[in-house]
Amino acid sequence: MWFSCIPYLFPKTIKEKESDDKQCAHPNCDEHVLLKNILKANKKWVSVTWNLIPKFFHKLAQGQSPELLWIGCSDSRVPPAIITGKKPGDIFVHRNVGNTIYTSDNNVNAVIEYSVHHLKVKHVIVCGHYGCGAVLASMGCDTGSPTIEEWIKNIRKIYTEYEFQFESLDKPDQITMMCKLNAILNARNACLTSAVQHAWEEGQEVVVHGWIFQLSNGEIEDLEFIVSNAEEVETVTKMAIEKVLHSVEQKEV
């Protein structure tokens, strides 16, 4: 837990602040200072880590053996290691817009196959987050970007399928429900990838989870999507979706 807090434990010294405030001669001054400070922060992180755990980087260079694969959104506010209190080497990570899994996407398929078959991760976590921009875009008009439209097409399909079930809710609650459904159904997609299916056929222990992150309080919510074999996929998906829709009914009462 302490590891992910290092960047926040050492604020800039007065000397560093004064140095940043000096007139910058670089043609792109703001960007130059930003990048320079990132490199400074890295050196500070290295120094602190060396002092606290002298052999940390030596061990890090020997290889990785994470137990978790995290598939999440690219949103800058949802950094997996920090929100879970993990350190480098603990989580194998794949992030994209909307924590979306297409069985035809070679990128995510390569990540899942490598992590499941070579790293032997035991858990695959698909984690969405409330207020997701991809979900919000899928509930509105055409974004005007062919690339984005192609990417969020499956999220739009989810909205089209379930829209009538929560159309009586106000917009914020609709977005909340959609973010949950998106996480659940993409967790289902993870179960359907050839890598996970093959692992289950071979008797390998792999559990797929559906989670969601709350930006307003920093907490992760378990969406009760937990699948450990192929036979459970559709049943668990149905139950998790029914729970979301039941919460809609309670709001309407």
C-alpha atoms as a PDB file:
ATOM      1  CA  MET A   1       0.000   0.000   0.000  1.00  0.00           C
ATOM      2  CA  TRP A   2       2.768   2.463   0.927  1.00  0.00           C
ATOM      3  CA  PHE A   3       4.440   2.075  -2.465  1.00  0.00           C
ATOM      4  CA  SER A   4       1.707   3.791  -4.464  1.00  0.00           C
ATOM      5  CA  CYS A   5       1.723   6.701  -2.002  1.00  0.00           C
ATOM      6  CA  ILE A   6       5.356   7.673  -2.625  1.00  0.00           C
ATOM      7  CA  PRO A   7       4.561  10.387  -5.214  1.00  0.00           C
ATOM      8  CA  TYR A   8       2.266  12.104  -2.721  1.00  0.00           C
ATOM      9  CA  LEU A   9       4.549  11.908   0.307  1.00  0.00           C
ATOM     10  CA  PHE A  10       7.249  14.192  -1.036  1.00  0.00           C
ATOM     11  CA  PRO A  11       5.871  17.571  -2.172  1.00  0.00           C
ATOM     12  CA  LYS A  12       8.171  20.006  -3.939  1.00  0.00           C
ATOM     13  CA  THR A  13      10.707  21.817  -1.812  1.00  0.00           C
ATOM     14  CA  ILE A  14      10.766  25.630  -1.783  1.00  0.00           C
ATOM     15  CA  LYS A  15      13.935  25.507  -3.867  1.00  0.00           C
ATOM     16  CA  GLU A  16      12.251  23.323  -6.501  1.00  0.00           C
ATOM     17  CA  LYS A  17       9.247  25.639  -6.626  1.00  0.00           C
ATOM     18  CA  GLU A  18      11.449  28.692  -7.062  1.00  0.00           C
ATOM     19  CA  SER A  19      13.321  26.905  -9.824  1.00  0.00           C
ATOM     20  CA  ASP A  20      10.066  26.126 -11.641  1.00  0.00           C
ATOM     21  CA  ASP A  21       8.940  29.744 -11.306  1.00  0.00           C
ATOM     22  CA  LYS A  22      12.042  31.125 -13.023  1.00  0.00           C
ATOM     23  CA  GLN A  23      11.617  32.390 -16.559  1.00  0.00           C
ATOM     24  CA  CYS A  24      11.935  29.511 -18.993  1.00  0.00           C
ATOM     25  CA  ALA A  25      13.832  30.181 -22.226  1.00  0.00           C
ATOM     26  CA  HIS A  26      12.427  27.124 -24.015  1.00  0.00           C
ATOM     27  CA  PRO A  27      10.086  27.993 -26.945  1.00  0.00           C
ATOM     28  CA  ASN A  28       7.393  25.747 -25.454  1.00  0.00           C
ATOM     29  CA  CYS A  29       8.007  26.749 -21.850  1.00  0.00           C
ATOM     30  CA  ASP A  30       4.974  25.194 -20.107  1.00  0.00           C
ATOM     31  CA  GLU A  31       5.402  21.831 -21.804  1.00  0.00           C
ATOM     32  CA  HIS A  32       9.146  21.893 -21.175  1.00  0.00           C
ATOM     33  CA  VAL A  33       8.670  22.522 -17.442  1.00  0.00           C
ATOM     34  CA  LEU A  34       6.003  19.817 -17.219  1.00  0.00           C
ATOM     35  CA  LEU A  35       8.224  17.166 -18.783  1.00  0.00           C
ATOM     36  CA  LYS A  36      11.255  18.317 -16.823  1.00  0.00           C
ATOM     37  CA  ASN A  37       9.305  17.953 -13.575  1.00  0.00           C
ATOM     38  CA  ILE A  38       8.198  14.466 -14.555  1.00  0.00           C
ATOM     39  CA  LEU A  39      11.828  13.420 -14.976  1.00  0.00           C
ATOM     40  CA  LYS A  40      12.692  15.061 -11.637  1.00  0.00           C
ATOM     41  CA  ALA A  41       9.843  13.183  -9.955  1.00  0.00           C
ATOM     42  CA  ASN A  42      11.136   9.922 -11.415  1.00  0.00           C
ATOM     43  CA  LYS A  43      14.592  10.505  -9.950  1.00  0.00           C
ATOM     44  CA  LYS A  44      13.064  11.282  -6.563  1.00  0.00           C
ATOM     45  CA  TRP A  45      10.956   8.112  -6.738  1.00  0.00           C
ATOM     46  CA  VAL A  46      14.040   6.055  -7.607  1.00  0.00           C
ATOM     47  CA  SER A  47      16.006   7.577  -4.724  1.00  0.00           C
ATOM     48  CA  VAL A  48      13.265   6.988  -2.173  1.00  0.00           C
ATOM     49  CA  THR A  49      12.681   3.438  -3.379  1.00  0.00           C
ATOM     50  CA  TRP A  50      16.396   2.607  -3.240  1.00  0.00           C
ATOM     51  CA  ASN A  51      16.524   3.820   0.353  1.00  0.00           C
ATOM     52  CA  LEU A  52      13.421   1.944   1.460  1.00  0.00           C
ATOM     53  CA  ILE A  53      13.974  -1.289  -0.505  1.00  0.00           C
ATOM     54  CA  PRO A  54      17.608  -1.558  -1.656  1.00  0.00           C
ATOM     55  CA  LYS A  55      17.023  -4.714  -3.727  1.00  0.00           C
ATOM     56  CA  PHE A  56      13.720  -3.649  -5.283  1.00  0.00           C
ATOM     57  CA  PHE A  57      14.994  -2.782  -8.769  1.00  0.00           C
ATOM     58  CA  HIS A  58      17.261  -5.822  -8.856  1.00  0.00           C
ATOM     59  CA  LYS A  59      14.258  -8.053  -8.228  1.00  0.00           C
ATOM     60  CA  LEU A  60      12.143  -6.082 -10.695  1.00  0.00           C
ATOM     61  CA  ALA A  61      14.681  -6.753 -13.441  1.00  0.00           C
ATOM     62  CA  GLN A  62      14.582 -10.509 -12.843  1.00  0.00           C
ATOM     63  CA  GLY A  63      11.099 -10.906 -14.328  1.00  0.00           C
ATOM     64  CA  GLN A  64       7.419 -10.652 -13.493  1.00  0.00           C
ATOM     65  CA  SER A  65       4.908 -13.041 -11.982  1.00  0.00           C
ATOM     66  CA  PRO A  66       1.689 -11.060 -11.437  1.00  0.00           C
ATOM     67  CA  GLU A  67      -1.406 -12.880 -10.268  1.00  0.00           C
ATOM     68  CA  LEU A  68      -3.775 -10.317 -11.767  1.00  0.00           C
ATOM     69  CA  LEU A  69      -4.619  -9.076 -15.238  1.00  0.00           C
ATOM     70  CA  TRP A  70      -6.392  -5.718 -15.083  1.00  0.00           C
ATOM     71  CA  ILE A  71      -8.425  -4.623 -18.104  1.00  0.00           C
ATOM     72  CA  GLY A  72      -9.627  -1.095 -17.517  1.00  0.00           C
ATOM     73  CA  CYS A  73     -10.383   2.261 -19.073  1.00  0.00           C
ATOM     74  CA  SER A  74      -7.651   4.616 -20.301  1.00  0.00           C
ATOM     75  CA  ASP A  75      -9.158   7.417 -18.202  1.00  0.00           C
ATOM     76  CA  SER A  76      -6.299   9.214 -16.425  1.00  0.00           C
ATOM     77  CA  ARG A  77      -8.231   9.202 -13.138  1.00  0.00           C
ATOM     78  CA  VAL A  78      -8.239   5.413 -12.816  1.00  0.00           C
ATOM     79  CA  PRO A  79      -4.614   4.235 -12.404  1.00  0.00           C
ATOM     80  CA  PRO A  80      -4.812   0.526 -11.445  1.00  0.00           C
ATOM     81  CA  ALA A  81      -1.737   0.231  -9.225  1.00  0.00           C
ATOM     82  CA  ILE A  82      -2.511   3.352  -7.221  1.00  0.00           C
ATOM     83  CA  ILE A  83      -6.201   2.651  -6.550  1.00  0.00           C
ATOM     84  CA  THR A  84      -5.403  -0.925  -5.493  1.00  0.00           C
ATOM     85  CA  GLY A  85      -2.295  -0.119  -3.456  1.00  0.00           C
ATOM     86  CA  LYS A  86      -0.076  -2.358  -5.582  1.00  0.00           C
ATOM     87  CA  LYS A  87       3.542  -1.965  -6.645  1.00  0.00           C
ATOM     88  CA  PRO A  88       5.294  -2.490 -10.015  1.00  0.00           C
ATOM     89  CA  GLY A  89       5.184  -6.166 -10.961  1.00  0.00           C
ATOM     90  CA  ASP A  90       1.929  -6.949  -9.145  1.00  0.00           C
ATOM     91  CA  ILE A  91      -0.575  -6.311 -11.957  1.00  0.00           C
ATOM     92  CA  PHE A  92      -0.420  -6.970 -15.691  1.00  0.00           C
ATOM     93  CA  VAL A  93      -2.390  -4.123 -17.253  1.00  0.00           C
ATOM     94  CA  HIS A  94      -4.348  -3.439 -20.435  1.00  0.00           C
ATOM     95  CA  ARG A  95      -6.295  -0.201 -20.805  1.00  0.00           C
ATOM     96  CA  ASN A  96      -8.363   1.222 -23.608  1.00  0.00           C
ATOM     97  CA  VAL A  97     -11.275   3.589 -24.145  1.00  0.00           C
ATOM     98  CA  GLY A  98     -14.269   2.220 -22.254  1.00  0.00           C
ATOM     99  CA  ASN A  99     -12.587  -0.988 -20.939  1.00  0.00           C
ATOM    100  CA  THR A 100     -13.868  -2.642 -24.093  1.00  0.00           C
ATOM    101  CA  ILE A 101     -13.119  -6.212 -25.135  1.00  0.00           C
ATOM    102  CA  TYR A 102     -13.719  -7.314 -28.700  1.00  0.00           C
ATOM    103  CA  THR A 103     -12.954 -10.938 -29.509  1.00  0.00           C
ATOM    104  CA  SER A 104     -11.653  -9.612 -32.856  1.00  0.00           C
ATOM    105  CA  ASP A 105      -9.233  -7.137 -31.229  1.00  0.00           C
ATOM    106  CA  ASN A 106      -5.703  -8.548 -31.566  1.00  0.00           C
ATOM    107  CA  ASN A 107      -4.384  -6.107 -28.982  1.00  0.00           C
ATOM    108  CA  VAL A 108      -6.531  -7.210 -26.066  1.00  0.00           C
ATOM    109  CA  ASN A 109      -6.410 -10.843 -27.218  1.00  0.00           C
ATOM    110  CA  ALA A 110      -2.607 -10.793 -27.159  1.00  0.00           C
ATOM    111  CA  VAL A 111      -2.656  -9.326 -23.648  1.00  0.00           C
ATOM    112  CA  ILE A 112      -5.107 -11.939 -22.363  1.00  0.00           C
ATOM    113  CA  GLU A 113      -3.290 -14.826 -24.045  1.00  0.00           C
ATOM    114  CA  TYR A 114       0.128 -13.775 -22.786  1.00  0.00           C
ATOM    115  CA  SER A 115      -1.058 -13.127 -19.239  1.00  0.00           C
ATOM    116  CA  VAL A 116      -3.162 -16.288 -18.965  1.00  0.00           C
ATOM    117  CA  HIS A 117      -0.959 -18.794 -20.783  1.00  0.00           C
ATOM    118  CA  HIS A 118       2.540 -17.475 -20.090  1.00  0.00           C
ATOM    119  CA  LEU A 119       2.299 -15.460 -16.879  1.00  0.00           C
ATOM    120  CA  LYS A 120      -0.380 -17.797 -15.491  1.00  0.00           C
ATOM    121  CA  VAL A 121      -2.414 -15.053 -13.860  1.00  0.00           C
ATOM    122  CA  LYS A 122      -5.178 -16.392 -11.655  1.00  0.00           C
ATOM    123  CA  HIS A 123      -7.563 -13.462 -11.927  1.00  0.00           C
ATOM    124  CA  VAL A 124      -8.758 -11.356 -14.852  1.00  0.00           C
ATOM    125  CA  ILE A 125     -10.412  -8.157 -13.653  1.00  0.00           C
ATOM    126  CA  VAL A 126     -12.477  -6.036 -16.015  1.00  0.00           C
ATOM    127  CA  CYS A 127     -12.958  -2.728 -14.233  1.00  0.00           C
ATOM    128  CA  GLY A 128     -15.128   0.078 -15.517  1.00  0.00           C
ATOM    129  CA  HIS A 129     -15.726   3.382 -13.794  1.00  0.00           C
ATOM    130  CA  TYR A 130     -18.657   5.692 -13.195  1.00  0.00           C
ATOM    131  CA  GLY A 131     -18.797   8.747 -15.413  1.00  0.00           C
ATOM    132  CA  CYS A 132     -17.039   6.950 -18.256  1.00  0.00           C
ATOM    133  CA  GLY A 133     -16.729   9.189 -21.321  1.00  0.00           C
ATOM    134  CA  ALA A 134     -17.037   6.273 -23.739  1.00  0.00           C
ATOM    135  CA  VAL A 135     -20.307   5.213 -22.155  1.00  0.00           C
ATOM    136  CA  LEU A 136     -21.590   8.780 -22.196  1.00  0.00           C
ATOM    137  CA  ALA A 137     -20.665   9.109 -25.886  1.00  0.00           C
ATOM    138  CA  SER A 138     -22.465   5.863 -26.710  1.00  0.00           C
ATOM    139  CA  MET A 139     -25.685   7.268 -25.246  1.00  0.00           C
ATOM    140  CA  GLY A 140     -25.625  10.376 -27.398  1.00  0.00           C
ATOM    141  CA  CYS A 141     -25.426  11.444 -31.003  1.00  0.00           C
ATOM    142  CA  ASP A 142     -22.711  10.498 -33.448  1.00  0.00           C
ATOM    143  CA  THR A 143     -19.354  11.737 -32.161  1.00  0.00           C
ATOM    144  CA  GLY A 144     -18.258  12.777 -35.635  1.00  0.00           C
ATOM    145  CA  SER A 145     -15.189  10.557 -35.390  1.00  0.00           C
ATOM    146  CA  PRO A 146     -15.289   7.340 -37.472  1.00  0.00           C
ATOM    147  CA  THR A 147     -12.530   5.846 -35.336  1.00  0.00           C
ATOM    148  CA  ILE A 148     -14.337   6.498 -32.060  1.00  0.00           C
ATOM    149  CA  GLU A 149     -17.684   5.411 -33.471  1.00  0.00           C
ATOM    150  CA  GLU A 150     -16.198   2.108 -34.577  1.00  0.00           C
ATOM    151  CA  TRP A 151     -14.668   1.588 -31.160  1.00  0.00           C
ATOM    152  CA  ILE A 152     -17.780   2.328 -29.090  1.00  0.00           C
ATOM    153  CA  LYS A 153     -20.243   0.513 -31.368  1.00  0.00           C
ATOM    154  CA  ASN A 154     -20.680  -2.362 -28.918  1.00  0.00           C
ATOM    155  CA  ILE A 155     -21.366   0.037 -26.062  1.00  0.00           C
ATOM    156  CA  ARG A 156     -24.034   1.660 -28.231  1.00  0.00           C
ATOM    157  CA  LYS A 157     -25.557  -1.789 -28.737  1.00  0.00           C
ATOM    158  CA  ILE A 158     -25.751  -2.249 -24.973  1.00  0.00           C
ATOM    159  CA  TYR A 159     -27.508   1.093 -24.632  1.00  0.00           C
ATOM    160  CA  THR A 160     -29.947   0.260 -27.431  1.00  0.00           C
ATOM    161  CA  GLU A 161     -30.782  -3.083 -25.833  1.00  0.00           C
ATOM    162  CA  TYR A 162     -31.364  -1.816 -22.296  1.00  0.00           C
ATOM    163  CA  GLU A 163     -32.372   1.804 -22.780  1.00  0.00           C
ATOM    164  CA  PHE A 164     -36.106   1.158 -22.365  1.00  0.00           C
ATOM    165  CA  GLN A 165     -35.504  -0.446 -18.960  1.00  0.00           C
ATOM    166  CA  PHE A 166     -34.179   2.717 -17.373  1.00  0.00           C
ATOM    167  CA  GLU A 167     -35.595   5.468 -19.575  1.00  0.00           C
ATOM    168  CA  SER A 168     -37.617   6.768 -16.617  1.00  0.00           C
ATOM    169  CA  LEU A 169     -34.431   7.600 -14.693  1.00  0.00           C
ATOM    170  CA  ASP A 170     -32.689  10.929 -14.907  1.00  0.00           C
ATOM    171  CA  LYS A 171     -29.575  11.157 -17.071  1.00  0.00           C
ATOM    172  CA  PRO A 172     -26.949  10.706 -14.305  1.00  0.00           C
ATOM    173  CA  ASP A 173     -28.624   7.513 -13.107  1.00  0.00           C
ATOM    174  CA  GLN A 174     -28.880   6.223 -16.668  1.00  0.00           C
ATOM    175  CA  ILE A 175     -25.158   6.756 -17.128  1.00  0.00           C
ATOM    176  CA  THR A 176     -24.475   4.948 -13.849  1.00  0.00           C
ATOM    177  CA  MET A 177     -26.504   1.922 -14.934  1.00  0.00           C
ATOM    178  CA  MET A 178     -24.848   1.888 -18.338  1.00  0.00           C
ATOM    179  CA  CYS A 179     -21.361   1.986 -16.801  1.00  0.00           C
ATOM    180  CA  LYS A 180     -22.248  -1.076 -14.721  1.00  0.00           C
ATOM    181  CA  LEU A 181     -23.714  -2.954 -17.682  1.00  0.00           C
ATOM    182  CA  ASN A 182     -20.693  -2.114 -19.809  1.00  0.00           C
ATOM    183  CA  ALA A 183     -18.298  -3.525 -17.214  1.00  0.00           C
ATOM    184  CA  ILE A 184     -20.371  -6.690 -16.775  1.00  0.00           C
ATOM    185  CA  LEU A 185     -20.790  -7.407 -20.467  1.00  0.00           C
ATOM    186  CA  ASN A 186     -17.137  -6.797 -21.213  1.00  0.00           C
ATOM    187  CA  ALA A 187     -16.223  -9.158 -18.384  1.00  0.00           C
ATOM    188  CA  ARG A 188     -18.425 -11.662 -20.197  1.00  0.00           C
ATOM    189  CA  ASN A 189     -16.477 -10.937 -23.393  1.00  0.00           C
ATOM    190  CA  ALA A 190     -13.251 -11.726 -21.534  1.00  0.00           C
ATOM    191  CA  CYS A 191     -14.701 -15.120 -20.669  1.00  0.00           C
ATOM    192  CA  LEU A 192     -15.431 -15.777 -24.330  1.00  0.00           C
ATOM    193  CA  THR A 193     -11.895 -15.136 -25.592  1.00  0.00           C
ATOM    194  CA  SER A 194     -10.098 -18.201 -26.903  1.00  0.00           C
ATOM    195  CA  ALA A 195      -7.305 -17.794 -24.351  1.00  0.00           C
ATOM    196  CA  VAL A 196      -9.624 -17.980 -21.342  1.00  0.00           C
ATOM    197  CA  GLN A 197     -11.759 -20.733 -22.872  1.00  0.00           C
ATOM    198  CA  HIS A 198      -8.667 -22.803 -23.622  1.00  0.00           C
ATOM    199  CA  ALA A 199      -7.316 -22.283 -20.113  1.00  0.00           C
ATOM    200  CA  TRP A 200     -10.559 -23.573 -18.622  1.00  0.00           C
ATOM    201  CA  GLU A 201     -10.551 -26.564 -20.970  1.00  0.00           C
ATOM    202  CA  GLU A 202      -7.051 -27.415 -19.736  1.00  0.00           C
ATOM    203  CA  GLY A 203      -8.160 -27.132 -16.114  1.00  0.00           C
ATOM    204  CA  GLN A 204      -6.170 -23.966 -15.437  1.00  0.00           C
ATOM    205  CA  GLU A 205      -7.377 -21.808 -12.566  1.00  0.00           C
ATOM    206  CA  VAL A 206      -8.563 -18.500 -14.010  1.00  0.00           C
ATOM    207  CA  VAL A 207     -11.328 -16.387 -12.480  1.00  0.00           C
ATOM    208  CA  VAL A 208     -12.880 -13.464 -14.360  1.00  0.00           C
ATOM    209  CA  HIS A 209     -14.318 -10.566 -12.346  1.00  0.00           C
ATOM    210  CA  GLY A 210     -16.440  -7.531 -13.165  1.00  0.00           C
ATOM    211  CA  TRP A 211     -15.738  -4.432 -11.050  1.00  0.00           C
ATOM    212  CA  ILE A 212     -16.418  -0.709 -11.232  1.00  0.00           C
ATOM    213  CA  PHE A 213     -14.582   2.286  -9.753  1.00  0.00           C
ATOM    214  CA  GLN A 214     -16.295   5.247  -8.120  1.00  0.00           C
ATOM    215  CA  LEU A 215     -14.437   8.463  -8.886  1.00  0.00           C
ATOM    216  CA  SER A 216     -16.223  10.460  -6.184  1.00  0.00           C
ATOM    217  CA  ASN A 217     -15.004   8.339  -3.259  1.00  0.00           C
ATOM    218  CA  GLY A 218     -12.165   6.217  -4.644  1.00  0.00           C
ATOM    219  CA  GLU A 219     -13.843   2.895  -3.888  1.00  0.00           C
ATOM    220  CA  ILE A 220     -14.064  -0.180  -6.105  1.00  0.00           C
ATOM    221  CA  GLU A 221     -17.420  -1.947  -6.267  1.00  0.00           C
ATOM    222  CA  ASP A 222     -17.708  -5.663  -6.955  1.00  0.00           C
ATOM    223  CA  LEU A 223     -20.485  -6.138  -9.521  1.00  0.00           C
ATOM    224  CA  GLU A 224     -20.852  -9.778  -8.463  1.00  0.00           C
ATOM    225  CA  PHE A 225     -19.630 -11.052 -11.780  1.00  0.00           C
ATOM    226  CA  ILE A 226     -17.312 -13.894 -10.798  1.00  0.00           C
ATOM    227  CA  VAL A 227     -16.762 -16.704 -13.314  1.00  0.00           C
ATOM    228  CA  SER A 228     -14.333 -19.616 -12.964  1.00  0.00           C
ATOM    229  CA  ASN A 229     -15.474 -21.941 -15.749  1.00  0.00           C
ATOM    230  CA  ALA A 230     -17.229 -21.864 -19.111  1.00  0.00           C
ATOM    231  CA  GLU A 231     -20.477 -23.306 -17.772  1.00  0.00           C
ATOM    232  CA  GLU A 232     -21.013 -20.352 -15.434  1.00  0.00           C
ATOM    233  CA  VAL A 233     -20.636 -17.541 -17.969  1.00  0.00           C
ATOM    234  CA  GLU A 234     -24.219 -17.001 -19.121  1.00  0.00           C
ATOM    235  CA  THR A 235     -25.810 -17.694 -15.732  1.00  0.00           C
ATOM    236  CA  VAL A 236     -23.530 -15.289 -13.874  1.00  0.00           C
ATOM    237  CA  THR A 237     -23.919 -12.652 -16.597  1.00  0.00           C
ATOM    238  CA  LYS A 238     -27.701 -12.873 -16.356  1.00  0.00           C
ATOM    239  CA  MET A 239     -27.673 -12.623 -12.550  1.00  0.00           C
ATOM    240  CA  ALA A 240     -25.307  -9.639 -12.538  1.00  0.00           C
ATOM    241  CA  ILE A 241     -27.416  -7.792 -15.116  1.00  0.00           C
ATOM    242  CA  GLU A 242     -30.619  -8.595 -13.231  1.00  0.00           C
ATOM    243  CA  LYS A 243     -29.132  -7.065 -10.104  1.00  0.00           C
ATOM    244  CA  VAL A 244     -28.393  -3.836 -11.996  1.00  0.00           C
ATOM    245  CA  LEU A 245     -31.882  -3.732 -13.470  1.00  0.00           C
ATOM    246  CA  HIS A 246     -33.430  -4.502 -10.076  1.00  0.00           C
ATOM    247  CA  SER A 247     -31.689  -1.439  -8.677  1.00  0.00           C
ATOM    248  CA  VAL A 248     -33.375   0.520 -11.467  1.00  0.00           C
ATOM    249  CA  GLU A 249     -36.775  -0.759 -10.342  1.00  0.00           C
ATOM    250  CA  GLN A 250     -36.025   0.274  -6.762  1.00  0.00           C
ATOM    251  CA  LYS A 251     -35.184   3.799  -7.908  1.00  0.00           C
ATOM    252  CA  GLU A 252     -38.462   3.996  -9.766  1.00  0.00           C
ATOM    253  CA  VAL A 253     -40.553   3.044  -6.709  1.00  0.00           C
END
